[in-house]
Amino acid sequence: MTDRPGVAYSMSGFGRGAVEADGIRVSCEMRTVNQRGLDISLSLPATLLWADPLLRKMVSGAVHRGRVDLNLSVSAGESRGGGALLDAVLAARWAAELGRLAKRLHLDRPRVDALLAIPGVVRPKAFAPAPARLNPLIRRAFDSALKRLLVMRRREGQALAADLGRRSDRLERLAAGVRADWPAAAARQQDRLTARLKEALERMGEERRSARDIVTALERGDVSEELTQIASHLDQCRGALRAGSPAGRQLEFLAAELQRETNTTGAKSIDAGITRTVVAMKEEVERIREQVANLE
């Protein structure tokens, strides 16, 4: 399994799968959580260490980002019956110790069932079928767990994508408001600067400083480039979401660019009303960055 066009996936999920055949039962559990890269952690019994490369390859082929915790176990199925081993030496040691304690406390000697309940006295028989028999069962158990994992990741991913869509729309509306309000704010700013220039010319000696301030204000007084970039980045975000996973890294980059352009717009603001709108834009961008961090 590789890219999943048209579907956005969250990085959080859980899936469990188990198969049984020829008296062998294989169980697989997978948990995934947020992480910038792909980090695979496997929990395998000593008899299954040979399956480590196989499982890592299957995980990396199905999951692109996040921490993956996978637990795999093999046991005797119901038809085989399993069995257990008694550690008689350990049981004898415990019987002696508990007997001395019972005598000192004037209690009855421990019963056999109490000894058998002590951890380690009775343990399952070692069960290690040949890799050739286990390989197809491991794949089936993994696929079953992966299917359930992806269902959860897809459900959460759809919710994240919907929220990102709403926030992108709101950010776009706010940016459109800045574009619409800017000409009137710029005209008011020009009137203020003209008045300052006249005043400065009347007070010889300050005209250089005032002229420099005016030039600086005029250089800051255009945000058309920033607003155009914001619109472009939002279009790219929507395109990445439509394309589906993996899109998280691209969206993280675009969210960072949205933040940069929004900050620049705020730095150039020449009107209190526009500044309030830019503050609302910054809030939306921050929410977008938080949500994008959850996407694969």
Protein backbone atom coordinates (compact mmCIF):
# COMPACT_ATOMS: atom_id res chain seq x y z
CA MET A 1 0.00 0.00 0.00
CA THR A 2 1.42 3.38 -1.01
CA ASP A 3 -0.18 6.79 -1.48
CA ARG A 4 -3.94 7.10 -0.96
CA PRO A 5 -5.15 9.79 -3.39
CA GLY A 6 -8.12 11.84 -2.33
CA VAL A 7 -8.04 10.70 1.31
CA ALA A 8 -6.46 12.58 4.20
CA TYR A 9 -5.28 10.41 7.07
CA SER A 10 -4.62 11.31 10.68
CA MET A 11 -1.46 10.00 12.32
CA SER A 12 -3.39 8.56 15.29
CA GLY A 13 -5.02 5.15 15.20
CA PHE A 14 -5.28 1.62 16.53
CA GLY A 15 -5.87 -1.74 14.89
CA ARG A 16 -5.87 -5.36 16.00
CA GLY A 17 -5.89 -8.49 13.85
CA ALA A 18 -5.59 -12.22 14.48
CA VAL A 19 -5.59 -15.31 12.28
CA GLU A 20 -5.50 -19.02 13.09
CA ALA A 21 -4.58 -21.91 10.83
CA ASP A 22 -3.14 -25.41 11.33
CA GLY A 23 -3.21 -25.00 15.10
CA ILE A 24 -1.22 -21.73 15.02
CA ARG A 25 -2.65 -18.38 16.13
CA VAL A 26 -0.91 -15.11 15.17
CA SER A 27 -2.04 -11.82 16.75
CA CYS A 28 -0.97 -8.33 15.67
CA GLU A 29 -1.66 -4.97 17.32
CA MET A 30 -0.70 -1.59 15.85
CA ARG A 31 -0.84 1.83 17.49
CA THR A 32 0.16 5.07 15.78
CA VAL A 33 0.60 8.57 17.21
CA ASN A 34 1.88 11.92 15.96
CA GLN A 35 5.53 12.35 15.05
CA ARG A 36 7.24 14.41 12.36
CA GLY A 37 8.96 11.42 10.75
CA LEU A 38 8.34 7.68 10.70
CA ASP A 39 9.46 5.81 13.82
CA ILE A 40 8.73 2.08 14.01
CA SER A 41 8.91 0.23 17.33
CA LEU A 42 8.39 -3.54 17.29
CA SER A 43 7.63 -5.81 20.23
CA LEU A 44 8.42 -9.40 19.29
CA PRO A 45 9.14 -12.57 21.26
CA ALA A 46 12.65 -13.95 20.89
CA THR A 47 11.38 -16.70 18.59
CA LEU A 48 10.10 -14.11 16.11
CA LEU A 49 13.11 -11.79 15.82
CA TRP A 50 13.66 -13.09 12.30
CA ALA A 51 10.40 -11.31 11.30
CA ASP A 52 11.72 -7.85 12.27
CA PRO A 53 12.89 -6.80 8.74
CA LEU A 54 9.69 -8.14 7.18
CA LEU A 55 7.44 -6.21 9.55
CA ARG A 56 9.41 -2.98 9.19
CA LYS A 57 9.11 -3.21 5.43
CA MET A 58 5.36 -3.79 5.62
CA VAL A 59 4.85 -0.91 8.07
CA SER A 60 6.91 1.57 6.03
CA GLY A 61 4.96 0.58 2.94
CA ALA A 62 1.66 1.43 4.61
CA VAL A 63 2.42 4.33 6.96
CA HIS A 64 4.28 7.48 5.96
CA ARG A 65 4.51 9.52 9.18
CA GLY A 66 4.11 9.02 12.91
CA ARG A 67 5.30 6.66 15.60
CA VAL A 68 4.16 3.08 15.05
CA ASP A 69 4.10 0.58 17.93
CA LEU A 70 3.53 -2.95 16.69
CA ASN A 71 3.11 -6.00 18.90
CA LEU A 72 3.17 -9.48 17.37
CA SER A 73 2.58 -12.75 19.20
CA VAL A 74 2.29 -16.41 18.20
CA SER A 75 0.58 -19.09 20.23
CA ALA A 76 -0.97 -22.52 19.84
CA GLY A 77 -4.50 -22.32 18.57
CA GLU A 78 -7.48 -24.09 20.10
CA SER A 79 -7.00 -27.14 17.91
CA ARG A 80 -3.41 -27.57 19.09
CA GLY A 81 -4.10 -26.94 22.74
CA GLY A 82 -0.79 -25.32 23.68
CA GLY A 83 0.24 -26.87 26.96
CA ALA A 84 2.28 -25.74 29.92
CA LEU A 85 5.48 -26.57 31.78
CA LEU A 86 5.91 -26.92 35.54
CA ASP A 87 9.11 -25.58 37.08
CA ALA A 88 9.39 -28.13 39.89
CA VAL A 89 12.60 -26.64 41.30
CA LEU A 90 11.05 -23.17 41.61
CA ALA A 91 7.90 -24.67 43.13
CA ALA A 92 9.98 -26.55 45.73
CA ARG A 93 11.83 -23.39 46.72
CA TRP A 94 8.60 -21.49 47.17
CA ALA A 95 7.07 -24.38 49.14
CA ALA A 96 10.05 -24.40 51.54
CA GLU A 97 9.95 -20.63 52.02
CA LEU A 98 6.20 -20.49 52.50
CA GLY A 99 6.33 -23.52 54.81
CA ARG A 100 8.81 -21.78 57.11
CA LEU A 101 6.70 -18.63 57.08
CA ALA A 102 3.51 -20.58 57.86
CA LYS A 103 5.23 -22.33 60.78
CA ARG A 104 6.49 -19.04 62.22
CA LEU A 105 3.05 -17.47 61.94
CA HIS A 106 1.17 -20.60 63.04
CA LEU A 107 -0.66 -20.92 59.74
CA ASP A 108 -1.54 -23.90 57.56
CA ARG A 109 1.04 -24.99 55.05
CA PRO A 110 0.43 -23.56 51.55
CA ARG A 111 -1.80 -25.53 49.23
CA VAL A 112 -0.64 -26.78 45.87
CA ASP A 113 -2.99 -24.46 43.97
CA ALA A 114 -1.40 -21.48 45.75
CA LEU A 115 2.04 -22.63 44.60
CA LEU A 116 0.85 -23.03 41.02
CA ALA A 117 -0.47 -19.45 41.01
CA ILE A 118 3.00 -18.03 41.70
CA PRO A 119 4.41 -16.39 38.53
CA GLY A 120 6.98 -18.58 36.83
CA VAL A 121 6.03 -21.86 38.48
CA VAL A 122 3.79 -22.74 35.53
CA ARG A 123 4.57 -21.24 32.13
CA PRO A 124 3.39 -21.92 28.58
CA LYS A 125 5.39 -24.30 26.48
CA ALA A 126 7.70 -22.67 23.99
CA PHE A 127 5.97 -22.49 20.64
CA ALA A 128 8.08 -21.65 17.62
CA PRO A 129 6.79 -22.90 14.26
CA ALA A 130 9.08 -22.63 11.25
CA PRO A 131 9.25 -19.22 9.51
CA ALA A 132 7.91 -20.74 6.29
CA ARG A 133 4.66 -21.64 8.10
CA LEU A 134 4.44 -18.35 9.97
CA ASN A 135 5.20 -15.93 7.16
CA PRO A 136 1.76 -16.02 5.45
CA LEU A 137 -0.03 -15.94 8.81
CA ILE A 138 1.98 -12.90 9.91
CA ARG A 139 1.06 -11.11 6.69
CA ARG A 140 -2.63 -11.88 7.13
CA ALA A 141 -2.67 -10.77 10.78
CA PHE A 142 -0.78 -7.59 9.85
CA ASP A 143 -3.19 -6.80 6.99
CA SER A 144 -6.16 -7.31 9.30
CA ALA A 145 -4.70 -4.96 11.94
CA LEU A 146 -3.70 -2.43 9.29
CA LYS A 147 -7.20 -2.37 7.82
CA ARG A 148 -8.71 -1.43 11.17
CA LEU A 149 -5.93 1.07 11.86
CA LEU A 150 -6.52 2.85 8.55
CA VAL A 151 -10.27 3.03 9.15
CA MET A 152 -9.62 4.99 12.36
CA ARG A 153 -6.90 7.14 10.79
CA ARG A 154 -9.13 7.91 7.83
CA ARG A 155 -12.10 8.87 10.02
CA GLU A 156 -9.97 11.27 12.06
CA GLY A 157 -8.22 12.53 8.93
CA GLN A 158 -11.54 13.44 7.32
CA ALA A 159 -12.51 15.43 10.40
CA LEU A 160 -9.15 17.24 10.34
CA ALA A 161 -9.44 17.97 6.61
CA ALA A 162 -12.95 19.38 7.10
CA ASP A 163 -11.72 21.65 9.89
CA LEU A 164 -8.77 22.78 7.79
CA GLY A 165 -11.14 23.57 4.94
CA ARG A 166 -13.30 25.74 7.18
CA ARG A 167 -10.30 27.58 8.59
CA SER A 168 -8.82 28.09 5.12
CA ASP A 169 -12.12 29.60 3.97
CA ARG A 170 -12.21 31.94 6.97
CA LEU A 171 -8.60 32.98 6.44
CA GLU A 172 -9.38 33.68 2.80
CA ARG A 173 -12.35 35.85 3.76
CA LEU A 174 -10.25 37.78 6.28
CA ALA A 175 -7.52 38.35 3.69
CA ALA A 176 -10.15 39.56 1.22
CA GLY A 177 -11.33 42.01 3.88
CA VAL A 178 -7.81 43.38 4.26
CA ARG A 179 -7.54 43.79 0.48
CA ALA A 180 -10.88 45.60 0.35
CA ASP A 181 -10.13 47.91 3.29
CA TRP A 182 -6.56 48.73 2.31
CA PRO A 183 -7.22 51.48 -0.32
CA ALA A 184 -9.28 53.58 2.09
CA ALA A 185 -6.75 53.05 4.88
CA ALA A 186 -3.93 53.97 2.50
CA ALA A 187 -5.75 57.18 1.51
CA ARG A 188 -6.14 58.14 5.15
CA GLN A 189 -2.48 57.35 5.71
CA GLN A 190 -1.50 59.52 2.74
CA ASP A 191 -3.48 62.43 4.16
CA ARG A 192 -1.71 62.04 7.49
CA LEU A 193 1.70 61.87 5.82
CA THR A 194 0.96 64.92 3.68
CA ALA A 195 0.04 66.88 6.77
CA ARG A 196 3.24 65.77 8.50
CA LEU A 197 5.31 66.76 5.50
CA LYS A 198 3.80 70.24 5.40
CA GLU A 199 4.44 70.64 9.10
CA ALA A 200 8.02 69.45 8.70
CA LEU A 201 8.70 71.90 5.88
CA GLU A 202 7.49 74.68 8.12
CA ARG A 203 10.01 73.62 10.77
CA MET A 204 13.29 73.61 8.87
CA GLY A 205 15.79 71.13 10.25
CA GLU A 206 13.33 68.29 10.68
CA GLU A 207 12.42 67.78 7.07
CA ARG A 208 15.05 65.09 6.52
CA ARG A 209 13.82 62.93 9.36
CA SER A 210 10.18 63.40 8.39
CA ALA A 211 10.87 62.70 4.74
CA ARG A 212 12.67 59.51 5.70
CA ASP A 213 9.72 58.45 7.86
CA ILE A 214 7.36 59.11 4.98
CA VAL A 215 9.45 57.05 2.56
CA THR A 216 9.53 54.20 5.06
CA ALA A 217 5.77 54.38 5.53
CA LEU A 218 5.18 54.38 1.79
CA GLU A 219 7.43 51.34 1.37
CA ARG A 220 5.41 49.56 4.02
CA GLY A 221 2.13 50.69 2.59
CA ASP A 222 1.46 47.90 0.08
CA VAL A 223 0.46 44.34 0.98
CA SER A 224 -0.79 43.16 -2.41
CA GLU A 225 2.16 40.77 -2.74
CA GLU A 226 1.56 39.22 0.70
CA LEU A 227 -2.17 38.81 0.08
CA THR A 228 -1.51 37.23 -3.30
CA GLN A 229 0.90 34.77 -1.67
CA ILE A 230 -1.64 33.93 1.02
CA ALA A 231 -4.26 33.18 -1.65
CA SER A 232 -1.76 31.01 -3.54
CA HIS A 233 -0.77 29.09 -0.41
CA LEU A 234 -4.42 28.45 0.46
CA ASP A 235 -5.06 27.08 -3.03
CA GLN A 236 -2.07 24.77 -2.63
CA CYS A 237 -3.35 23.62 0.77
CA ARG A 238 -6.71 22.71 -0.75
CA GLY A 239 -4.96 20.90 -3.58
CA ALA A 240 -2.82 18.90 -1.14
CA LEU A 241 -5.92 17.89 0.84
CA ARG A 242 -7.70 16.83 -2.34
CA ALA A 243 -4.68 14.76 -3.39
CA GLY A 244 -4.76 12.88 -0.06
CA SER A 245 -2.08 11.31 2.08
CA PRO A 246 0.80 11.72 2.45
CA ALA A 247 0.35 15.50 2.53
CA GLY A 248 1.39 16.44 6.07
CA ARG A 249 4.88 17.68 5.31
CA GLN A 250 3.74 19.79 2.37
CA LEU A 251 0.95 21.25 4.47
CA GLU A 252 3.35 22.03 7.31
CA PHE A 253 5.53 23.99 4.87
CA LEU A 254 2.52 25.87 3.48
CA ALA A 255 1.26 26.65 6.99
CA ALA A 256 4.67 28.12 7.87
CA GLU A 257 4.54 30.25 4.71
CA LEU A 258 1.02 31.42 5.60
CA GLN A 259 2.30 32.45 8.99
CA ARG A 260 5.21 34.38 7.46
CA GLU A 261 3.04 36.26 4.96
CA THR A 262 0.42 37.03 7.62
CA ASN A 263 3.09 38.38 9.99
CA THR A 264 4.46 40.59 7.22
CA THR A 265 0.96 41.88 6.49
CA GLY A 266 0.57 42.73 10.15
CA ALA A 267 3.91 44.55 10.23
CA LYS A 268 2.78 46.72 7.31
CA SER A 269 -0.63 47.49 8.77
CA ILE A 270 -1.51 51.17 8.64
CA ASP A 271 -4.93 51.04 10.24
CA ALA A 272 -6.32 49.80 13.56
CA GLY A 273 -9.21 48.00 11.86
CA ILE A 274 -6.86 46.18 9.52
CA THR A 275 -4.65 45.27 12.45
CA ARG A 276 -7.62 43.63 14.18
CA THR A 277 -8.36 41.64 11.03
CA VAL A 278 -4.73 40.53 10.78
CA VAL A 279 -4.82 39.37 14.41
CA ALA A 280 -7.82 37.17 13.52
CA MET A 281 -5.86 35.88 10.50
CA LYS A 282 -2.94 34.96 12.74
CA GLU A 283 -5.27 33.01 15.02
CA GLU A 284 -6.59 31.00 12.07
CA VAL A 285 -3.09 30.30 10.78
CA GLU A 286 -2.04 29.05 14.20
CA ARG A 287 -5.03 26.67 14.31
CA ILE A 288 -4.15 25.48 10.82
CA ARG A 289 -0.58 24.74 11.93
CA GLU A 290 -1.85 22.79 14.93
CA GLN A 291 -4.21 20.68 12.81
CA VAL A 292 -1.69 20.06 10.05
CA ALA A 293 0.67 18.57 12.64
CA ASN A 294 -1.87 15.74 13.09
CA LEU A 295 -2.02 14.76 9.41
CA GLU A 296 0.04 12.03 7.79
